Protein backbone atom coordinates (compact mmCIF):
# COMPACT_ATOMS: atom_id res chain seq x y z
CA MET A 1 91.67 86.93 108.99
CA GLU A 2 94.88 88.26 110.95
CA LYS A 3 96.92 90.80 109.38
CA GLU A 4 99.49 93.19 110.93
CA LEU A 5 98.18 96.76 110.76
CA ASP A 6 101.12 98.85 111.95
CA ARG A 7 103.64 98.98 114.68
CA THR A 8 101.00 99.90 117.23
CA GLY A 9 98.53 97.12 116.98
CA ILE A 10 97.20 94.13 115.08
CA LEU A 11 93.90 93.80 113.03
CA LEU A 12 92.28 90.67 114.18
CA GLN A 13 89.25 90.65 111.73
CA SER A 14 87.75 92.80 109.12
CA GLU A 15 84.30 92.27 107.57
CA GLU A 16 82.77 94.87 105.17
CA GLU A 17 79.30 94.61 106.83
CA LYS A 18 80.50 94.60 110.37
CA GLY A 19 83.74 96.68 110.52
CA ALA A 20 87.13 95.81 111.83
CA VAL A 21 88.57 94.79 115.23
CA LEU A 22 91.96 96.45 116.24
CA ILE A 23 93.87 95.45 119.39
CA THR A 24 96.53 98.07 120.09
CA ASP A 25 99.80 97.36 121.95
CA ASN A 26 98.76 99.74 124.74
CA CYS A 27 95.48 97.47 125.27
CA ILE A 28 97.81 94.33 125.39
CA GLY A 29 99.92 96.24 127.80
CA MET A 30 97.03 96.97 130.06
CA ILE A 31 95.94 93.33 130.03
CA ALA A 32 99.56 92.22 131.02
CA ALA A 33 99.67 94.87 133.77
CA LEU A 34 96.42 93.88 135.31
CA ALA A 35 97.19 90.20 135.21
CA ALA A 36 100.70 90.75 136.72
CA THR A 37 99.21 92.79 139.59
CA GLU A 38 96.77 89.88 140.31
CA VAL A 39 99.44 87.65 141.42
CA GLU A 40 99.99 87.32 145.16
CA GLY A 41 103.33 88.75 145.94
CA VAL A 42 103.34 91.34 143.27
CA TYR A 43 103.41 94.88 145.06
CA SER A 44 103.15 96.99 141.90
CA LEU A 45 104.52 97.74 138.42
CA ALA A 46 107.72 99.69 138.22
CA GLY A 47 107.62 102.82 136.03
CA ASN A 48 110.17 105.10 134.85
CA LEU A 49 110.80 108.57 136.48
CA THR A 50 108.65 110.48 134.02
CA ASN A 51 105.62 108.03 134.76
CA GLU A 52 106.18 108.41 138.56
CA LEU A 53 106.26 112.07 138.30
CA MET A 54 103.21 112.11 136.20
CA SER A 55 101.21 110.06 138.74
CA LYS A 56 102.10 112.47 141.53
CA VAL A 57 100.30 115.31 139.69
CA GLY A 58 97.33 112.91 139.02
CA VAL A 59 98.04 111.55 135.61
CA LYS A 60 97.83 107.76 135.85
CA ASN A 61 99.10 105.32 133.26
CA PRO A 62 98.13 101.70 134.18
CA THR A 63 100.71 100.34 131.73
CA ASN A 64 103.82 101.91 133.07
CA GLY A 65 106.35 99.38 133.50
CA VAL A 66 104.90 97.29 130.68
CA LYS A 67 106.22 97.21 127.12
CA SER A 68 104.25 95.06 124.53
CA VAL A 69 105.14 94.20 120.91
CA VAL A 70 102.72 92.62 118.52
CA GLU A 71 104.32 91.00 115.50
CA GLU A 72 101.81 89.21 113.21
CA SER A 73 99.86 87.05 115.77
CA ASN A 74 102.62 86.89 118.29
CA VAL A 75 103.00 89.02 121.40
CA LYS A 76 106.13 89.76 123.48
CA VAL A 77 105.86 91.52 126.80
CA ASP A 78 108.52 92.99 129.08
CA ILE A 79 107.29 93.96 132.59
CA SER A 80 109.13 95.63 135.46
CA LEU A 81 107.81 94.80 138.93
CA TYR A 82 108.14 95.52 142.59
CA LEU A 83 107.67 92.34 144.71
CA GLU A 84 106.51 92.15 148.32
CA TYR A 85 109.17 91.13 150.86
CA GLY A 86 108.95 87.40 151.95
CA TYR A 87 107.73 85.89 148.82
CA ASN A 88 109.88 83.36 146.91
CA ILE A 89 111.02 85.38 143.85
CA PRO A 90 111.45 82.60 141.38
CA SER A 91 108.01 81.05 142.23
CA THR A 92 106.35 84.56 142.09
CA CYS A 93 107.91 85.22 138.71
CA GLN A 94 106.79 82.04 137.34
CA GLN A 95 103.19 82.65 138.49
CA VAL A 96 103.39 86.11 136.96
CA GLN A 97 104.49 84.87 133.59
CA THR A 98 101.93 82.09 133.49
CA LYS A 99 98.94 84.43 134.49
CA VAL A 100 100.10 87.11 131.83
CA LYS A 101 100.54 84.71 129.14
CA THR A 102 97.16 82.74 129.77
CA THR A 103 95.38 86.06 130.22
CA ILE A 104 96.57 87.57 127.00
CA GLU A 105 95.95 84.43 124.98
CA SER A 106 92.50 83.97 126.41
CA MET A 107 91.46 87.65 125.91
CA THR A 108 92.94 88.33 122.53
CA GLY A 109 93.42 84.86 120.71
CA LEU A 110 96.96 85.85 119.98
CA GLU A 111 100.05 83.84 120.97
CA CYS A 112 102.10 85.12 123.65
CA SER A 113 105.74 83.73 123.19
CA GLU A 114 107.56 85.91 125.76
CA VAL A 115 106.81 87.29 129.19
CA ASN A 116 110.07 88.85 130.36
CA LEU A 117 110.17 90.08 133.97
CA ARG A 118 112.59 92.59 135.57
CA ILE A 119 112.42 92.89 139.32
CA SER A 120 113.09 96.47 140.30
CA GLY A 121 112.72 96.22 143.87
CA ILE A 122 111.19 94.82 147.03
CA HIS A 123 108.51 96.42 148.94
CA VAL A 124 108.86 96.17 152.71
CA LYS A 125 105.69 96.75 154.87
CA LYS A 126 106.21 99.36 157.48
CA ASP A 127 104.89 98.60 160.86
CA ASN A 128 103.10 101.54 162.43
């Protein structure tokens, strides 16, 4: 029984004797973040200034750079990335979109209709 609970998650199932299963937008964002960073050629997620400052003082947010929205049983994800220098951008982006989509769908049972990527920069390795 799928039913939208609120703007921060979706209720996947609810049974009186067992309880309920709720997947939050933040959880889906974390799944998307981990899947994206598994693709070769992705250096890291790109966060906003607040997230970057917070990480410098030890507060880590693994979903910075990811925005996810769940509407009924449909997921839309926006991800900001830094890529490694030397990788083909269109090919790497296609791999990220496929990996994120299939990972979200296999882990949650929801349909992922959009994986939008924004390339925030290119990371160049420094030779020491």
